[in-house]
Amino acid sequence: MELAEVQRLMDELYGEADRARGVPSTVAWLTEELGELAQAVRKGTREQQVHEFGDVLAWLASLANQMDIDLDDAMQRYVENPP
């Protein structure tokens, strides 16, 4: 699945609710999911790690959608001029 597809899927599934929730709450959810990913990386099973990577990507796509950011555009700097 391409990043644009991830963003479209998240918008189709949760876009209306995400916009109603707003950016600050979405950032809080993303932060919580990052914490869960960190814990899964340290102590979790492979299945738990895959699950948490998916959650982080989903919430990141949700936040990008709310802020009208194209994740493909955001990643382009790594193609053109990696830090």
N, C-alpha and C. Protein backbone atom coordinates (compact mmCIF):
# COMPACT_ATOMS: atom_id res chain seq x y z
N MET A 1 0.85 -1.18 0.00
CA MET A 1 0.00 0.00 0.00
C MET A 1 0.89 1.24 0.00
N GLU A 2 0.60 2.15 -0.88
CA GLU A 2 1.33 3.41 -0.98
C GLU A 2 0.83 4.39 0.10
N LEU A 3 1.66 5.38 0.43
CA LEU A 3 1.27 6.35 1.46
C LEU A 3 -0.02 7.07 1.09
N ALA A 4 -0.19 7.43 -0.16
CA ALA A 4 -1.43 8.11 -0.58
C ALA A 4 -2.64 7.22 -0.34
N GLU A 5 -2.47 5.93 -0.55
CA GLU A 5 -3.57 4.98 -0.29
C GLU A 5 -3.88 4.91 1.20
N VAL A 6 -2.85 4.95 2.02
CA VAL A 6 -3.05 4.94 3.47
C VAL A 6 -3.86 6.17 3.88
N GLN A 7 -3.48 7.32 3.34
CA GLN A 7 -4.21 8.54 3.68
C GLN A 7 -5.65 8.48 3.20
N ARG A 8 -5.88 7.97 2.00
CA ARG A 8 -7.26 7.87 1.50
C ARG A 8 -8.08 6.91 2.37
N LEU A 9 -7.50 5.78 2.71
CA LEU A 9 -8.21 4.81 3.55
C LEU A 9 -8.58 5.41 4.89
N MET A 10 -7.64 6.08 5.52
CA MET A 10 -7.92 6.68 6.82
C MET A 10 -9.00 7.75 6.70
N ASP A 11 -8.97 8.51 5.61
CA ASP A 11 -10.00 9.53 5.43
C ASP A 11 -11.37 8.89 5.22
N GLU A 12 -11.41 7.81 4.43
CA GLU A 12 -12.68 7.12 4.21
C GLU A 12 -13.23 6.51 5.50
N LEU A 13 -12.35 5.90 6.28
CA LEU A 13 -12.80 5.21 7.49
C LEU A 13 -13.10 6.17 8.64
N TYR A 14 -12.25 7.17 8.82
CA TYR A 14 -12.31 7.98 10.05
C TYR A 14 -12.27 9.48 9.83
N GLY A 15 -12.25 9.93 8.57
CA GLY A 15 -12.05 11.35 8.29
C GLY A 15 -13.00 12.28 9.01
N GLU A 16 -14.28 11.97 8.97
CA GLU A 16 -15.27 12.85 9.61
C GLU A 16 -15.04 12.92 11.12
N ALA A 17 -14.85 11.77 11.74
CA ALA A 17 -14.62 11.74 13.19
C ALA A 17 -13.29 12.40 13.55
N ASP A 18 -12.26 12.18 12.71
CA ASP A 18 -10.96 12.79 12.97
C ASP A 18 -11.05 14.31 12.94
N ARG A 19 -11.74 14.84 11.94
CA ARG A 19 -11.88 16.30 11.85
C ARG A 19 -12.66 16.86 13.03
N ALA A 20 -13.67 16.12 13.48
CA ALA A 20 -14.44 16.57 14.65
C ALA A 20 -13.59 16.54 15.92
N ARG A 21 -12.70 15.55 16.01
CA ARG A 21 -11.81 15.42 17.17
C ARG A 21 -10.81 16.56 17.20
N GLY A 22 -10.27 16.90 16.03
CA GLY A 22 -9.33 18.01 15.92
C GLY A 22 -7.88 17.60 16.05
N VAL A 23 -7.02 18.52 15.64
CA VAL A 23 -5.58 18.27 15.61
C VAL A 23 -4.99 18.02 17.00
N PRO A 24 -5.27 18.85 18.02
CA PRO A 24 -4.65 18.61 19.32
C PRO A 24 -4.94 17.21 19.88
N SER A 25 -6.17 16.76 19.75
CA SER A 25 -6.51 15.42 20.25
C SER A 25 -5.85 14.34 19.42
N THR A 26 -5.74 14.57 18.13
CA THR A 26 -5.09 13.59 17.26
C THR A 26 -3.61 13.49 17.60
N VAL A 27 -2.97 14.60 17.88
CA VAL A 27 -1.56 14.58 18.31
C VAL A 27 -1.44 13.78 19.60
N ALA A 28 -2.36 13.96 20.52
CA ALA A 28 -2.33 13.20 21.78
C ALA A 28 -2.45 11.70 21.51
N TRP A 29 -3.37 11.31 20.62
CA TRP A 29 -3.53 9.89 20.29
C TRP A 29 -2.28 9.35 19.62
N LEU A 30 -1.69 10.12 18.70
CA LEU A 30 -0.47 9.69 18.02
C LEU A 30 0.65 9.49 19.04
N THR A 31 0.77 10.40 19.99
CA THR A 31 1.78 10.29 21.02
C THR A 31 1.58 9.04 21.86
N GLU A 32 0.34 8.76 22.20
CA GLU A 32 0.04 7.54 22.97
C GLU A 32 0.43 6.30 22.17
N GLU A 33 0.11 6.30 20.88
CA GLU A 33 0.46 5.15 20.04
C GLU A 33 1.97 5.00 19.89
N LEU A 34 2.70 6.10 19.85
CA LEU A 34 4.16 6.01 19.81
C LEU A 34 4.71 5.37 21.08
N GLY A 35 4.11 5.70 22.21
CA GLY A 35 4.51 5.06 23.47
C GLY A 35 4.24 3.56 23.44
N GLU A 36 3.09 3.18 22.90
CA GLU A 36 2.77 1.76 22.80
C GLU A 36 3.72 1.05 21.84
N LEU A 37 4.12 1.73 20.76
CA LEU A 37 5.09 1.15 19.84
C LEU A 37 6.44 0.97 20.54
N ALA A 38 6.85 1.96 21.29
CA ALA A 38 8.13 1.86 22.01
C ALA A 38 8.12 0.66 22.96
N GLN A 39 7.03 0.48 23.65
CA GLN A 39 6.92 -0.66 24.58
C GLN A 39 6.94 -1.98 23.80
N ALA A 40 6.25 -2.04 22.68
CA ALA A 40 6.23 -3.27 21.88
C ALA A 40 7.60 -3.58 21.31
N VAL A 41 8.33 -2.55 20.91
CA VAL A 41 9.68 -2.76 20.39
C VAL A 41 10.59 -3.34 21.48
N ARG A 42 10.44 -2.82 22.68
CA ARG A 42 11.29 -3.28 23.80
C ARG A 42 10.91 -4.66 24.30
N LYS A 43 9.61 -4.93 24.43
CA LYS A 43 9.19 -6.13 25.14
C LYS A 43 8.14 -6.96 24.42
N GLY A 44 7.68 -6.50 23.29
CA GLY A 44 6.55 -7.16 22.64
C GLY A 44 6.95 -8.27 21.69
N THR A 45 5.94 -8.99 21.28
CA THR A 45 6.12 -10.01 20.26
C THR A 45 6.14 -9.35 18.89
N ARG A 46 6.54 -10.09 17.90
CA ARG A 46 6.54 -9.58 16.53
C ARG A 46 5.12 -9.15 16.13
N GLU A 47 4.12 -9.92 16.50
CA GLU A 47 2.73 -9.59 16.20
C GLU A 47 2.32 -8.26 16.84
N GLN A 48 2.71 -8.04 18.09
CA GLN A 48 2.40 -6.78 18.77
C GLN A 48 3.12 -5.61 18.11
N GLN A 49 4.35 -5.83 17.69
CA GLN A 49 5.12 -4.77 17.04
C GLN A 49 4.46 -4.37 15.72
N VAL A 50 4.07 -5.35 14.91
CA VAL A 50 3.39 -5.06 13.64
C VAL A 50 2.11 -4.28 13.89
N HIS A 51 1.35 -4.70 14.90
CA HIS A 51 0.10 -4.02 15.25
C HIS A 51 0.36 -2.55 15.59
N GLU A 52 1.36 -2.30 16.42
CA GLU A 52 1.63 -0.93 16.86
C GLU A 52 2.20 -0.07 15.74
N PHE A 53 3.02 -0.65 14.85
CA PHE A 53 3.48 0.10 13.69
C PHE A 53 2.28 0.54 12.85
N GLY A 54 1.32 -0.34 12.68
CA GLY A 54 0.11 0.01 11.94
C GLY A 54 -0.67 1.13 12.60
N ASP A 55 -0.80 1.07 13.93
CA ASP A 55 -1.51 2.13 14.64
C ASP A 55 -0.82 3.48 14.48
N VAL A 56 0.51 3.50 14.61
CA VAL A 56 1.25 4.76 14.47
C VAL A 56 1.07 5.32 13.06
N LEU A 57 1.19 4.48 12.06
CA LEU A 57 1.02 4.94 10.69
C LEU A 57 -0.40 5.47 10.45
N ALA A 58 -1.38 4.79 11.00
CA ALA A 58 -2.77 5.23 10.84
C ALA A 58 -2.99 6.60 11.46
N TRP A 59 -2.51 6.80 12.69
CA TRP A 59 -2.69 8.09 13.35
C TRP A 59 -1.88 9.19 12.69
N LEU A 60 -0.69 8.86 12.17
CA LEU A 60 0.11 9.84 11.45
C LEU A 60 -0.63 10.27 10.18
N ALA A 61 -1.21 9.32 9.46
CA ALA A 61 -1.98 9.64 8.26
C ALA A 61 -3.19 10.50 8.61
N SER A 62 -3.85 10.19 9.72
CA SER A 62 -4.99 10.98 10.16
C SER A 62 -4.58 12.44 10.43
N LEU A 63 -3.48 12.60 11.12
CA LEU A 63 -2.99 13.94 11.43
C LEU A 63 -2.62 14.68 10.14
N ALA A 64 -1.93 14.00 9.25
CA ALA A 64 -1.55 14.62 7.98
C ALA A 64 -2.79 15.04 7.20
N ASN A 65 -3.81 14.19 7.18
CA ASN A 65 -5.05 14.54 6.48
C ASN A 65 -5.67 15.80 7.06
N GLN A 66 -5.73 15.88 8.38
CA GLN A 66 -6.34 17.05 9.01
C GLN A 66 -5.57 18.33 8.72
N MET A 67 -4.26 18.19 8.52
CA MET A 67 -3.43 19.36 8.27
C MET A 67 -3.17 19.60 6.79
N ASP A 68 -3.85 18.81 5.94
CA ASP A 68 -3.71 18.91 4.48
C ASP A 68 -2.26 18.75 4.05
N ILE A 69 -1.60 17.76 4.63
CA ILE A 69 -0.22 17.41 4.30
C ILE A 69 -0.23 16.09 3.55
N ASP A 70 0.41 16.04 2.41
CA ASP A 70 0.56 14.82 1.64
C ASP A 70 1.82 14.12 2.13
N LEU A 71 1.68 12.92 2.67
CA LEU A 71 2.84 12.21 3.21
C LEU A 71 3.88 11.89 2.14
N ASP A 72 3.44 11.66 0.90
CA ASP A 72 4.40 11.46 -0.18
C ASP A 72 5.25 12.71 -0.37
N ASP A 73 4.63 13.88 -0.30
CA ASP A 73 5.38 15.13 -0.40
C ASP A 73 6.33 15.28 0.79
N ALA A 74 5.87 14.91 1.96
CA ALA A 74 6.70 15.03 3.16
C ALA A 74 7.94 14.15 3.07
N MET A 75 7.81 13.01 2.44
CA MET A 75 8.94 12.08 2.33
C MET A 75 9.87 12.42 1.17
N GLN A 76 9.45 13.30 0.28
CA GLN A 76 10.23 13.59 -0.91
C GLN A 76 11.63 14.11 -0.58
N ARG A 77 11.79 14.81 0.51
CA ARG A 77 13.12 15.33 0.85
C ARG A 77 14.12 14.20 1.08
N TYR A 78 13.64 13.03 1.49
CA TYR A 78 14.53 11.89 1.67
C TYR A 78 14.98 11.32 0.33
N VAL A 79 14.22 11.59 -0.71
CA VAL A 79 14.60 11.18 -2.05
C VAL A 79 15.58 12.19 -2.64
N GLU A 80 15.25 13.46 -2.49
CA GLU A 80 16.01 14.53 -3.15
C GLU A 80 17.26 14.95 -2.40
N ASN A 81 17.17 15.05 -1.07
CA ASN A 81 18.29 15.56 -0.29
C ASN A 81 18.20 15.03 1.14
N PRO A 82 18.55 13.76 1.34
CA PRO A 82 18.41 13.18 2.67
C PRO A 82 19.22 13.94 3.72
N PRO A 83 18.65 14.10 4.91
CA PRO A 83 19.38 14.80 5.96
C PRO A 83 20.59 14.00 6.44
